[in-house]
Every structure is written in C-alpha cells, then in structure tokens.
C-alpha cells in the first residue's frame, strides 16, 4: 500500500501553494476543508448529527448548510464546537482513507488540513510535512486574501497550535517565508518520500 503523507501549517503559511506544486509532480492531494464542507452538505449521518446538536436552523429550508448560524453558536460555545468537531473530523478521516485507497497509480498521497495535529489525524499517517512562514508574513497574506483585519487574523492564529509545536512533530519542513525558493524544497521532499 502506498504512503499517506499529511501536510499542514498555520493559517497563511502557504499550504495550498505547496500542495499545487506536489500536484504538478503527479501527487494527488486530499483537501480536508473542501471535503469537510462536502460531507456537511452530503453525508446523512453528519447532517443529522449537526441538526441534533444545533437544531433544524443549522440547514436552510432548501437544505443548504447554515454556516453563519452554526459558526455563531459553535465559536461562542466550546462544548458545542468540540462536539461539532467530533462529528466532522472522524467523517473526514473515514472519507480520506477511502479516497486514498482509490489513488492506486500514485507513489503516495497528501492529506492537507490546517488542524491536522489539533484533530489528532496526523497519527494515522505515514509522515508529516509542515509549511512554515513568519507570523508577520502569514498575517499580511491572510489580510490580503480574506480582506480581514490584523486583529481577526491574530484571533484565528490563537485558535491553532503554536508553529513550533507543529514543527516538532513534522518529518519535513518547508520554509515559505518568501525568501527561500519552495520548488527545490518540494522536489527534495518528494524524492525522499518516493524512496
């Protein structure tokens, strides 16, 4: 069976950019946030659990996920947020394993997730890549990308484990500080994983 490698990093570190480079090398990438949103809208067990937790208003009358409503409650109620994550994270892990098993032509696959270490899903993988960037660079990137204030970016950063804690768990680190070239870093890690 081919390897499952995780790729993570703090908000604004450039995980997506790095993943696109691995994709150019023929490596399939499982984008956990994308699939979490898909499962929230399409997986009956996840939907029913969310309705049980947040009430019928968690979905609009036409069946669309009411992200703003759920977010308003979850981010002000740590218990509800923990219970929401306990519904979604295992569903994403099951789905990612199934997806990985279908990628038979690749030497390995990547699973990209911002909260991979926080959710504990890194423990189920064969290796971990951490994408890093200085906090000041990350803040600038997220402000430009999402059109939000520095205070809002800092609040999101506080909800993630410190970068140093993640680096300590990583097998490989990609420095995406805007100074060092990332393509050679990606190529080196790709060669090591394929070995």
Protein backbone atom coordinates (compact mmCIF):
# COMPACT_ATOMS: atom_id res chain seq x y z
CA UNK A 1 0.00 0.00 0.00
CA UNK A 2 1.34 3.43 -0.89
CA UNK A 3 2.05 6.06 1.77
CA UNK A 4 -0.36 8.66 3.17
CA UNK A 5 1.50 11.88 3.98
CA UNK A 6 0.00 14.81 5.86
CA UNK A 7 0.66 18.43 5.02
CA UNK A 8 -0.21 21.16 7.48
CA UNK A 9 0.77 24.64 8.57
CA UNK A 10 -0.68 27.67 10.26
CA UNK A 11 -3.15 29.97 8.56
CA UNK A 12 -1.42 31.93 5.77
CA UNK A 13 1.63 29.65 5.68
CA UNK A 14 1.04 28.75 2.02
CA UNK A 15 -0.13 25.13 2.31
CA UNK A 16 -2.28 25.37 -0.82
CA UNK A 17 0.60 26.76 -2.90
CA UNK A 18 2.85 23.92 -1.74
CA UNK A 19 0.11 21.34 -2.46
CA UNK A 20 -0.26 22.66 -6.02
CA UNK A 21 3.48 22.07 -6.53
CA UNK A 22 3.13 18.45 -5.36
CA UNK A 23 0.17 18.07 -7.75
CA UNK A 24 2.41 19.14 -10.66
CA UNK A 25 4.60 16.16 -9.70
CA UNK A 26 1.57 13.85 -10.07
CA UNK A 27 0.77 13.54 -6.37
CA UNK A 28 -2.97 13.51 -5.55
CA UNK A 29 -3.98 15.87 -2.72
CA UNK A 30 -6.94 15.38 -0.39
CA UNK A 31 -8.09 18.85 0.71
CA UNK A 32 -9.70 18.14 4.11
CA UNK A 33 -11.51 21.51 4.41
CA UNK A 34 -13.13 21.10 0.99
CA UNK A 35 -14.27 17.54 1.78
CA UNK A 36 -15.45 18.53 5.29
CA UNK A 37 -17.79 21.09 3.67
CA UNK A 38 -18.93 18.48 1.16
CA UNK A 39 -19.64 15.92 3.90
CA UNK A 40 -21.54 18.51 5.98
CA UNK A 41 -23.84 19.02 2.99
CA UNK A 42 -23.99 15.46 1.62
CA UNK A 43 -23.40 12.87 4.36
CA UNK A 44 -26.70 11.95 6.06
CA UNK A 45 -25.10 10.90 9.36
CA UNK A 46 -23.10 14.15 9.61
CA UNK A 47 -26.15 16.27 8.70
CA UNK A 48 -28.36 14.50 11.23
CA UNK A 49 -25.72 14.93 13.94
CA UNK A 50 -25.44 18.66 13.21
CA UNK A 51 -29.23 19.08 13.30
CA UNK A 52 -29.33 17.20 16.60
CA UNK A 53 -26.62 19.49 18.00
CA UNK A 54 -27.74 22.88 16.64
CA UNK A 55 -31.41 22.39 15.72
CA UNK A 56 -33.22 22.50 12.40
CA UNK A 57 -31.93 26.04 11.69
CA UNK A 58 -28.47 24.52 11.05
CA UNK A 59 -29.73 23.97 7.48
CA UNK A 60 -31.87 26.33 5.41
CA UNK A 61 -35.31 25.16 4.18
CA UNK A 62 -33.71 24.21 0.82
CA UNK A 63 -31.17 22.00 2.66
CA UNK A 64 -28.08 24.24 2.45
CA UNK A 65 -25.75 24.32 5.46
CA UNK A 66 -26.29 27.49 7.50
CA UNK A 67 -22.60 28.07 8.20
CA UNK A 68 -23.08 31.54 9.75
CA UNK A 69 -25.71 30.28 12.19
CA UNK A 70 -23.69 27.23 13.27
CA UNK A 71 -20.46 29.24 13.45
CA UNK A 72 -22.06 31.92 15.64
CA UNK A 73 -23.07 29.27 18.18
CA UNK A 74 -20.02 26.98 17.92
CA UNK A 75 -17.37 29.68 18.28
CA UNK A 76 -19.08 31.03 21.41
CA UNK A 77 -19.69 27.61 23.00
CA UNK A 78 -16.51 25.49 23.34
CA UNK A 79 -18.53 22.35 24.19
CA UNK A 80 -20.65 22.64 21.03
CA UNK A 81 -17.55 23.36 18.94
CA UNK A 82 -15.85 20.25 20.37
CA UNK A 83 -18.96 18.15 19.64
CA UNK A 84 -19.17 19.55 16.08
CA UNK A 85 -15.50 18.64 15.50
CA UNK A 86 -16.15 15.17 16.99
CA UNK A 87 -18.80 14.68 14.28
CA UNK A 88 -16.90 16.12 11.32
CA UNK A 89 -13.26 15.07 11.91
CA UNK A 90 -13.93 11.28 12.06
CA UNK A 91 -16.16 11.51 8.95
CA UNK A 92 -13.35 13.31 7.09
CA UNK A 93 -10.81 10.71 8.26
CA UNK A 94 -13.00 7.82 7.01
CA UNK A 95 -13.63 9.60 3.70
CA UNK A 96 -9.91 10.41 3.25
CA UNK A 97 -8.92 6.75 3.80
CA UNK A 98 -11.42 5.64 1.15
CA UNK A 99 -10.18 8.35 -1.26
CA UNK A 100 -6.54 7.35 -0.60
CA UNK A 101 -7.28 3.68 -1.37
CA UNK A 102 -8.63 4.75 -4.78
CA UNK A 103 -5.37 6.56 -5.76
CA UNK A 104 -3.62 3.39 -6.89
CA UNK A 105 -1.37 4.97 -9.54
CA UNK A 106 0.40 7.39 -7.17
CA UNK A 107 3.53 6.55 -5.14
CA UNK A 108 1.92 8.40 -2.20
CA UNK A 109 -0.91 10.83 -1.46
CA UNK A 110 -1.08 14.04 0.53
CA UNK A 111 -3.80 14.95 3.01
CA UNK A 112 -3.89 18.71 3.50
CA UNK A 113 -5.51 20.09 6.68
CA UNK A 114 -4.92 23.18 8.79
CA UNK A 115 -5.95 21.47 12.05
CA UNK A 116 -4.35 18.09 11.36
CA UNK A 117 -2.37 17.99 14.61
CA UNK A 118 -5.17 19.61 16.67
CA UNK A 119 -7.63 16.96 15.41
CA UNK A 120 -5.14 14.12 16.01
CA UNK A 121 -5.47 12.84 12.42
CA UNK A 122 -1.68 13.14 11.86
CA UNK A 123 -1.33 9.96 13.96
CA UNK A 124 -2.95 7.90 11.17
CA UNK A 125 -0.44 8.99 8.51
CA UNK A 126 2.97 7.75 7.37
CA UNK A 127 4.67 11.13 7.61
CA UNK A 128 4.02 14.85 8.09
CA UNK A 129 5.12 17.92 6.13
CA UNK A 130 4.91 21.26 7.93
CA UNK A 131 4.77 24.50 5.92
CA UNK A 132 6.12 27.46 7.90
CA UNK A 133 6.31 31.21 7.45
CA UNK A 134 6.97 34.06 9.88
CA UNK A 135 3.82 35.27 11.66
CA UNK A 136 4.13 38.77 10.14
CA UNK A 137 4.16 37.25 6.62
CA UNK A 138 1.20 34.98 7.44
CA UNK A 139 -0.82 37.93 8.80
CA UNK A 140 -0.16 40.00 5.65
CA UNK A 141 -1.14 37.09 3.37
CA UNK A 142 -4.42 36.37 5.18
CA UNK A 143 -5.39 40.06 5.38
CA UNK A 144 -4.85 40.37 1.61
CA UNK A 145 -6.53 37.04 0.78
CA UNK A 146 -9.59 37.29 3.06
CA UNK A 147 -9.99 41.07 3.36
CA UNK A 148 -9.97 40.95 7.17
CA UNK A 149 -8.22 42.95 9.88
CA UNK A 150 -4.96 42.10 11.62
CA UNK A 151 -6.91 41.51 14.87
CA UNK A 152 -9.16 38.98 13.12
CA UNK A 153 -6.14 37.11 11.70
CA UNK A 154 -4.46 37.09 15.13
CA UNK A 155 -7.66 35.64 16.67
CA UNK A 156 -7.57 32.79 14.12
CA UNK A 157 -3.88 32.18 14.81
CA UNK A 158 -4.64 31.90 18.55
CA UNK A 159 -7.08 29.03 17.76
CA UNK A 160 -4.21 27.00 16.25
CA UNK A 161 -1.31 25.28 17.99
CA UNK A 162 1.91 27.33 18.01
CA UNK A 163 4.03 26.72 14.90
CA UNK A 164 6.98 25.43 16.95
CA UNK A 165 4.79 22.65 18.44
CA UNK A 166 3.81 21.53 14.93
CA UNK A 167 7.38 21.69 13.59
CA UNK A 168 8.46 19.39 16.45
CA UNK A 169 6.07 16.69 15.14
CA UNK A 170 6.93 17.08 11.44
CA UNK A 171 9.13 14.75 9.39
CA UNK A 172 9.85 17.50 6.84
CA UNK A 173 9.58 21.30 6.98
CA UNK A 174 9.07 23.67 4.05
CA UNK A 175 10.04 27.27 4.75
CA UNK A 176 7.70 29.52 2.77
CA UNK A 177 8.98 32.87 4.06
CA UNK A 178 9.03 34.49 0.61
CA UNK A 179 12.85 34.48 0.62
CA UNK A 180 13.69 30.79 0.08
CA UNK A 181 12.61 29.02 -3.10
CA UNK A 182 9.93 26.44 -2.36
CA UNK A 183 10.16 24.36 -5.57
CA UNK A 184 13.57 22.82 -4.63
CA UNK A 185 12.24 22.11 -1.11
CA UNK A 186 9.20 20.32 -2.57
CA UNK A 187 11.34 18.35 -5.03
CA UNK A 188 13.73 17.22 -2.25
CA UNK A 189 10.87 16.01 0.00
CA UNK A 190 9.14 14.34 -2.98
CA UNK A 191 12.32 12.36 -3.72
CA UNK A 192 12.72 11.34 -0.06
CA UNK A 193 9.11 10.15 0.25
CA UNK A 194 9.28 8.15 -3.01
CA UNK A 195 12.38 6.25 -1.81
